[in-house]
C-alpha atoms as a PDB file:
ATOM      1  CA  MET A   1     165.275  31.088 -41.621  1.00  0.00           C
ATOM      2  CA  LYS A   2     162.490  33.074 -43.187  1.00  0.00           C
ATOM      3  CA  LYS A   3     161.990  35.170 -39.959  1.00  0.00           C
ATOM      4  CA  ARG A   4     165.343  36.717 -41.566  1.00  0.00           C
ATOM      5  CA  ILE A   5     163.678  37.321 -45.537  1.00  0.00           C
ATOM      6  CA  VAL A   6     161.150  39.009 -44.003  1.00  0.00           C
ATOM      7  CA  PRO A   7     162.270  41.291 -43.233  1.00  0.00           C
ATOM      8  CA  VAL A   8     163.861  41.960 -46.585  1.00  0.00           C
ATOM      9  CA  VAL A   9     161.570  41.690 -48.670  1.00  0.00           C
ATOM     10  CA  LEU A  10     158.953  44.510 -46.594  1.00  0.00           C
ATOM     11  CA  VAL A  11     162.586  46.981 -46.950  1.00  0.00           C
ATOM     12  CA  ILE A  12     162.155  46.461 -50.906  1.00  0.00           C
ATOM     13  CA  LEU A  13     158.326  46.526 -50.907  1.00  0.00           C
ATOM     14  CA  LEU A  14     158.422  49.876 -48.622  1.00  0.00           C
ATOM     15  CA  SER A  15     160.767  51.275 -50.737  1.00  0.00           C
ATOM     16  CA  PHE A  16     159.331  50.502 -53.979  1.00  0.00           C
ATOM     17  CA  SER A  17     155.722  52.301 -52.053  1.00  0.00           C
ATOM     18  CA  LEU A  18     157.232  55.792 -52.245  1.00  0.00           C
ATOM     19  CA  SER A  19     154.701  57.520 -54.450  1.00  0.00           C
ATOM     20  CA  VAL A  20     158.266  60.677 -55.054  1.00  0.00           C
ATOM     21  CA  ALA A  21     161.563  59.314 -55.187  1.00  0.00           C
ATOM     22  CA  LYS A  22     164.544  62.203 -55.702  1.00  0.00           C
ATOM     23  CA  ALA A  23     166.518  60.540 -58.148  1.00  0.00           C
ATOM     24  CA  GLN A  24     168.253  64.154 -59.569  1.00  0.00           C
ATOM     25  CA  CYS A  25     171.510  65.360 -59.188  1.00  0.00           C
ATOM     26  CA  SER A  26     172.138  69.210 -59.914  1.00  0.00           C
ATOM     27  CA  ILE A  27     173.455  68.845 -62.794  1.00  0.00           C
ATOM     28  CA  CYS A  28     169.739  66.895 -63.710  1.00  0.00           C
ATOM     29  CA  THR A  29     167.844  68.920 -61.587  1.00  0.00           C
ATOM     30  CA  LYS A  30     168.282  72.562 -63.734  1.00  0.00           C
ATOM     31  CA  THR A  31     167.957  71.028 -66.726  1.00  0.00           C
ATOM     32  CA  ALA A  32     164.821  68.803 -66.044  1.00  0.00           C
ATOM     33  CA  GLN A  33     163.353  72.313 -65.307  1.00  0.00           C
ATOM     34  CA  GLN A  34     164.390  73.924 -68.584  1.00  0.00           C
ATOM     35  CA  LEU A  35     162.928  70.320 -69.704  1.00  0.00           C
ATOM     36  CA  GLY A  36     158.703  70.782 -67.936  1.00  0.00           C
ATOM     37  CA  GLU A  37     157.151  68.508 -65.936  1.00  0.00           C
ATOM     38  CA  LYS A  38     156.709  65.843 -68.647  1.00  0.00           C
ATOM     39  CA  PRO A  39     159.665  64.590 -69.268  1.00  0.00           C
ATOM     40  CA  ALA A  40     161.766  65.979 -65.661  1.00  0.00           C
ATOM     41  CA  LYS A  41     159.027  63.140 -64.715  1.00  0.00           C
ATOM     42  CA  ALA A  42     160.036  60.725 -67.866  1.00  0.00           C
ATOM     43  CA  LEU A  43     164.089  61.809 -66.715  1.00  0.00           C
ATOM     44  CA  ASN A  44     163.474  61.242 -63.357  1.00  0.00           C
ATOM     45  CA  VAL A  45     162.681  57.299 -63.931  1.00  0.00           C
ATOM     46  CA  GLY A  46     164.995  57.627 -65.637  1.00  0.00           C
ATOM     47  CA  ILE A  47     168.116  58.264 -62.883  1.00  0.00           C
ATOM     48  CA  LEU A  48     166.204  55.394 -61.004  1.00  0.00           C
ATOM     49  CA  TYR A  49     165.765  52.946 -63.580  1.00  0.00           C
ATOM     50  CA  LEU A  50     169.480  53.130 -63.915  1.00  0.00           C
ATOM     51  CA  GLY A  51     170.370  52.926 -60.573  1.00  0.00           C
ATOM     52  CA  PHE A  52     168.099  50.118 -60.072  1.00  0.00           C
ATOM     53  CA  MET A  53     169.710  47.396 -62.345  1.00  0.00           C
ATOM     54  CA  PRO A  54     173.369  47.621 -60.558  1.00  0.00           C
ATOM     55  CA  LEU A  55     171.931  47.012 -57.514  1.00  0.00           C
ATOM     56  CA  ALA A  56     169.884  44.598 -58.393  1.00  0.00           C
ATOM     57  CA  ILE A  57     172.687  42.525 -60.141  1.00  0.00           C
ATOM     58  CA  LEU A  58     175.278  43.295 -56.964  1.00  0.00           C
ATOM     59  CA  GLY A  59     171.682  42.120 -54.423  1.00  0.00           C
ATOM     60  CA  PHE A  60     171.611  39.068 -56.537  1.00  0.00           C
ATOM     61  CA  ILE A  61     175.289  38.073 -57.065  1.00  0.00           C
ATOM     62  CA  GLY A  62     176.207  39.428 -52.838  1.00  0.00           C
ATOM     63  CA  PHE A  63     172.643  36.700 -51.803  1.00  0.00           C
ATOM     64  CA  GLN A  64     174.450  34.040 -54.008  1.00  0.00           C
ATOM     65  CA  TRP A  65     178.043  34.040 -52.899  1.00  0.00           C
ATOM     66  CA  TRP A  66     176.047  34.830 -48.940  1.00  0.00           C
ATOM     67  CA  LYS A  67     174.148  31.579 -49.598  1.00  0.00           C
ATOM     68  CA  ASN A  68     176.844  29.497 -50.619  1.00  0.00           C
ATOM     69  CA  ASN A  69     178.969  31.007 -47.906  1.00  0.00           C
ATOM     70  CA  ARG A  70     176.890  29.392 -45.604  1.00  0.00           C
ATOM     71  CA  GLN A  71     176.276  26.220 -47.257  1.00  0.00           C
ATOM     72  CA  THR A  72     180.130  25.472 -46.703  1.00  0.00           C
ATOM     73  CA  ASN A  73     180.150  26.493 -42.414  1.00  0.00           C
END
């Protein structure tokens, strides 16, 4: 079990260690270019935050489903 968790934790840590993440669509990019540097960075962080929360919730639900399904087999 621990051998399977290590790669998952490694991927999660590596994804958080990325220094620059591009999370803007073309419309948001044009808007950010007009705002300036600091507001553009804040917009990018907000987009990442809003995208991370649903994925985290779905990941948690999927993990619980997998865990419960594994225990019944």
